[in-house]
Structure formats: structure tokens, C-alpha cells
């Protein structure tokens, strides 16, 4: 349900600005531009954390963003 508003977008163009890793932890800083039908592009800033297992598969995924900024960007 959390991703439903993002998936309703007509276009997405997630852009990683910075990425850092140590051991099995990966941290990303990114911007998430998206466009809904009949609307101009809007962008939400976000940071993400990924935890990896021994095979490099994602075992944890957390995204952090300003909730007010995100809600203002959605129809």
C-alpha cells in the first residue's frame, strides 16, 4: 500500500546521487522524480538503506524521506 501512489505515476526516474557501502550495508542518497498523468514532473528527496546477506541478496530495505514533501508531491 505504501508504494501504490508511486506506482500510479506515469513515469519514474529514480536517480542515485551518492552511494556508500561497508560490509553488508549499503546507503544511498537519491532524488525520486515522478510524473502523474496530466501533471508536470515532481521530485522527492530520499535516503535508502539496504542490508545484504552473504550472497549479496537484499534482506532489508528502508527508505527515509520527508513525509510532508512526499505528500505535497502526490495528487
N, C-alpha and C. Protein backbone atom coordinates (compact mmCIF):
# COMPACT_ATOMS: atom_id res chain seq x y z
N UNK A 1 0.82 -1.20 0.00
CA UNK A 1 0.00 0.00 0.00
C UNK A 1 0.87 1.26 0.00
N UNK A 2 2.03 1.18 0.66
CA UNK A 2 2.91 2.34 0.73
C UNK A 2 3.38 2.77 -0.66
N UNK A 3 3.63 1.81 -1.55
CA UNK A 3 4.15 2.12 -2.88
C UNK A 3 3.06 2.44 -3.89
N UNK A 4 1.80 2.22 -3.57
CA UNK A 4 0.71 2.43 -4.53
C UNK A 4 0.73 3.82 -5.17
N UNK A 5 0.88 4.92 -4.39
CA UNK A 5 0.90 6.24 -5.03
C UNK A 5 2.07 6.40 -6.01
N UNK A 6 3.23 5.83 -5.67
CA UNK A 6 4.37 5.91 -6.58
C UNK A 6 4.10 5.10 -7.85
N UNK A 7 3.52 3.93 -7.68
CA UNK A 7 3.27 3.06 -8.83
C UNK A 7 2.16 3.59 -9.72
N UNK A 8 1.35 4.50 -9.22
CA UNK A 8 0.32 5.13 -10.03
C UNK A 8 0.91 6.19 -10.96
N UNK A 9 2.17 6.54 -10.75
CA UNK A 9 2.82 7.54 -11.60
C UNK A 9 2.96 7.01 -13.02
N UNK A 10 2.86 7.92 -13.97
CA UNK A 10 3.00 7.56 -15.38
C UNK A 10 4.46 7.28 -15.73
N UNK A 11 5.37 8.05 -15.11
CA UNK A 11 6.81 7.86 -15.33
C UNK A 11 7.55 8.03 -14.01
N UNK A 12 8.62 7.24 -13.84
CA UNK A 12 9.52 7.33 -12.69
C UNK A 12 10.94 7.43 -13.21
N UNK A 13 11.79 8.17 -12.50
CA UNK A 13 13.18 8.30 -12.93
C UNK A 13 14.08 8.41 -11.69
N UNK A 14 14.08 7.38 -10.84
CA UNK A 14 14.87 7.43 -9.61
C UNK A 14 16.34 7.62 -9.94
N UNK A 15 16.96 8.58 -9.27
CA UNK A 15 18.35 8.94 -9.56
C UNK A 15 19.19 8.86 -8.28
N UNK A 16 20.19 7.98 -8.28
CA UNK A 16 21.10 7.85 -7.14
C UNK A 16 22.15 8.95 -7.24
N UNK A 17 22.25 9.77 -6.19
CA UNK A 17 23.24 10.85 -6.14
C UNK A 17 24.53 10.38 -5.50
N UNK A 18 24.40 9.63 -4.41
CA UNK A 18 25.56 9.11 -3.69
C UNK A 18 25.24 7.71 -3.20
N UNK A 19 26.27 6.88 -3.13
CA UNK A 19 26.11 5.52 -2.62
C UNK A 19 27.36 5.16 -1.84
N UNK A 20 27.16 4.51 -0.70
CA UNK A 20 28.28 4.09 0.14
C UNK A 20 27.97 2.70 0.68
N UNK A 21 29.02 1.90 0.83
CA UNK A 21 28.83 0.55 1.35
C UNK A 21 29.94 0.22 2.34
N UNK A 22 29.56 -0.53 3.36
CA UNK A 22 30.53 -1.08 4.29
C UNK A 22 30.01 -2.43 4.72
N UNK A 23 30.82 -3.45 4.50
CA UNK A 23 30.36 -4.80 4.80
C UNK A 23 29.12 -5.12 4.00
N UNK A 24 28.05 -5.48 4.70
CA UNK A 24 26.80 -5.84 4.03
C UNK A 24 25.75 -4.75 4.11
N UNK A 25 26.18 -3.52 4.39
CA UNK A 25 25.27 -2.39 4.48
C UNK A 25 25.53 -1.42 3.34
N UNK A 26 24.45 -0.97 2.70
CA UNK A 26 24.55 -0.01 1.59
C UNK A 26 23.63 1.17 1.90
N UNK A 27 24.16 2.38 1.76
CA UNK A 27 23.41 3.60 2.00
C UNK A 27 23.35 4.39 0.70
N UNK A 28 22.16 4.90 0.34
CA UNK A 28 22.02 5.70 -0.87
C UNK A 28 21.35 7.03 -0.55
N UNK A 29 21.79 8.05 -1.28
CA UNK A 29 21.10 9.34 -1.28
C UNK A 29 20.60 9.52 -2.70
N UNK A 30 19.32 9.88 -2.85
CA UNK A 30 18.78 9.95 -4.20
C UNK A 30 17.67 10.98 -4.30
N UNK A 31 17.26 11.25 -5.51
CA UNK A 31 16.05 12.01 -5.78
C UNK A 31 15.13 11.10 -6.59
N UNK A 32 13.86 11.20 -6.32
CA UNK A 32 12.88 10.35 -6.99
C UNK A 32 11.93 11.23 -7.81
N UNK A 33 12.31 11.58 -9.04
CA UNK A 33 11.38 12.32 -9.90
C UNK A 33 10.28 11.38 -10.42
N UNK A 34 9.06 11.87 -10.42
CA UNK A 34 7.96 11.10 -11.00
C UNK A 34 6.92 12.06 -11.55
N UNK A 35 6.09 11.51 -12.43
CA UNK A 35 5.06 12.32 -13.10
C UNK A 35 3.78 11.52 -13.15
N UNK A 36 2.72 12.16 -12.69
CA UNK A 36 1.39 11.55 -12.74
C UNK A 36 0.70 12.00 -14.03
N UNK A 37 -0.25 11.22 -14.53
CA UNK A 37 -0.96 11.61 -15.75
C UNK A 37 -1.55 13.01 -15.62
N UNK A 38 -1.28 13.84 -16.63
CA UNK A 38 -1.81 15.19 -16.66
C UNK A 38 -1.09 16.19 -15.77
N UNK A 39 0.03 15.77 -15.16
CA UNK A 39 0.78 16.66 -14.26
C UNK A 39 2.22 16.81 -14.73
N UNK A 40 2.87 17.86 -14.25
CA UNK A 40 4.30 18.05 -14.51
C UNK A 40 5.11 17.13 -13.60
N UNK A 41 6.41 17.04 -13.89
CA UNK A 41 7.32 16.26 -13.06
C UNK A 41 7.41 16.88 -11.68
N UNK A 42 7.53 16.05 -10.67
CA UNK A 42 7.78 16.47 -9.30
C UNK A 42 8.86 15.57 -8.72
N UNK A 43 9.53 16.02 -7.69
CA UNK A 43 10.66 15.27 -7.16
C UNK A 43 10.59 15.20 -5.64
N UNK A 44 10.92 14.04 -5.10
CA UNK A 44 11.03 13.84 -3.66
C UNK A 44 12.45 13.39 -3.36
N UNK A 45 13.06 14.01 -2.35
CA UNK A 45 14.40 13.61 -1.91
C UNK A 45 14.28 12.42 -0.97
N UNK A 46 15.22 11.48 -1.05
CA UNK A 46 15.14 10.28 -0.21
C UNK A 46 16.52 9.73 0.09
N UNK A 47 16.59 8.98 1.17
CA UNK A 47 17.78 8.20 1.51
C UNK A 47 17.32 6.77 1.71
N UNK A 48 18.16 5.84 1.35
CA UNK A 48 17.80 4.44 1.49
C UNK A 48 18.89 3.63 2.14
N UNK A 49 18.49 2.56 2.80
CA UNK A 49 19.42 1.61 3.41
C UNK A 49 19.06 0.22 2.90
N UNK A 50 20.07 -0.53 2.52
CA UNK A 50 19.89 -1.92 2.11
C UNK A 50 20.81 -2.79 2.94
N UNK A 51 20.27 -3.85 3.51
CA UNK A 51 21.06 -4.86 4.19
C UNK A 51 21.17 -6.06 3.26
N UNK A 52 22.35 -6.62 3.14
CA UNK A 52 22.60 -7.74 2.22
C UNK A 52 22.99 -8.99 2.98
N UNK A 53 22.66 -10.16 2.43
CA UNK A 53 23.13 -11.41 3.02
C UNK A 53 24.45 -11.83 2.40
N UNK A 54 24.93 -13.00 2.74
CA UNK A 54 26.23 -13.48 2.26
C UNK A 54 26.30 -13.61 0.73
N UNK A 55 25.15 -13.84 0.08
CA UNK A 55 25.10 -13.98 -1.38
C UNK A 55 24.88 -12.64 -2.08
N UNK A 56 24.77 -11.55 -1.31
CA UNK A 56 24.53 -10.24 -1.91
C UNK A 56 23.06 -9.94 -2.18
N UNK A 57 22.16 -10.76 -1.65
CA UNK A 57 20.72 -10.53 -1.84
C UNK A 57 20.22 -9.58 -0.75
N UNK A 58 19.27 -8.73 -1.11
CA UNK A 58 18.73 -7.76 -0.17
C UNK A 58 17.86 -8.46 0.87
N UNK A 59 18.19 -8.23 2.14
CA UNK A 59 17.40 -8.79 3.25
C UNK A 59 16.65 -7.71 4.01
N UNK A 60 17.06 -6.46 3.84
CA UNK A 60 16.38 -5.32 4.48
C UNK A 60 16.42 -4.14 3.52
N UNK A 61 15.33 -3.39 3.46
CA UNK A 61 15.25 -2.22 2.60
C UNK A 61 14.45 -1.17 3.36
N UNK A 62 15.09 -0.05 3.62
CA UNK A 62 14.42 1.05 4.31
C UNK A 62 14.61 2.33 3.51
N UNK A 63 13.55 3.08 3.35
CA UNK A 63 13.63 4.39 2.69
C UNK A 63 13.23 5.46 3.70
N UNK A 64 13.92 6.57 3.63
CA UNK A 64 13.65 7.69 4.52
C UNK A 64 13.41 8.93 3.66
N UNK A 65 12.34 9.66 3.96
CA UNK A 65 12.02 10.86 3.20
C UNK A 65 11.19 11.77 4.08
N UNK A 66 11.07 13.01 3.67
CA UNK A 66 10.24 13.98 4.36
C UNK A 66 8.79 13.71 3.97
N UNK A 67 8.00 13.28 4.93
CA UNK A 67 6.62 12.89 4.65
C UNK A 67 5.81 14.05 4.05
N UNK A 68 5.99 15.24 4.59
CA UNK A 68 5.25 16.40 4.07
C UNK A 68 5.63 16.69 2.63
N UNK A 69 6.92 16.60 2.32
CA UNK A 69 7.37 16.81 0.93
C UNK A 69 6.78 15.77 0.00
N UNK A 70 6.74 14.54 0.46
CA UNK A 70 6.20 13.45 -0.36
C UNK A 70 4.71 13.63 -0.60
N UNK A 71 3.96 13.93 0.44
CA UNK A 71 2.51 14.11 0.29
C UNK A 71 2.17 15.30 -0.59
N UNK A 72 2.97 16.36 -0.52
CA UNK A 72 2.73 17.54 -1.36
C UNK A 72 2.99 17.25 -2.83
N UNK A 73 3.84 16.27 -3.11
CA UNK A 73 4.19 15.95 -4.50
C UNK A 73 3.15 15.05 -5.17
N UNK A 74 2.30 14.41 -4.38
CA UNK A 74 1.32 13.46 -4.94
C UNK A 74 -0.03 14.12 -5.12
N UNK A 75 -0.77 13.65 -6.12
CA UNK A 75 -2.11 14.23 -6.36
C UNK A 75 -3.08 13.88 -5.23
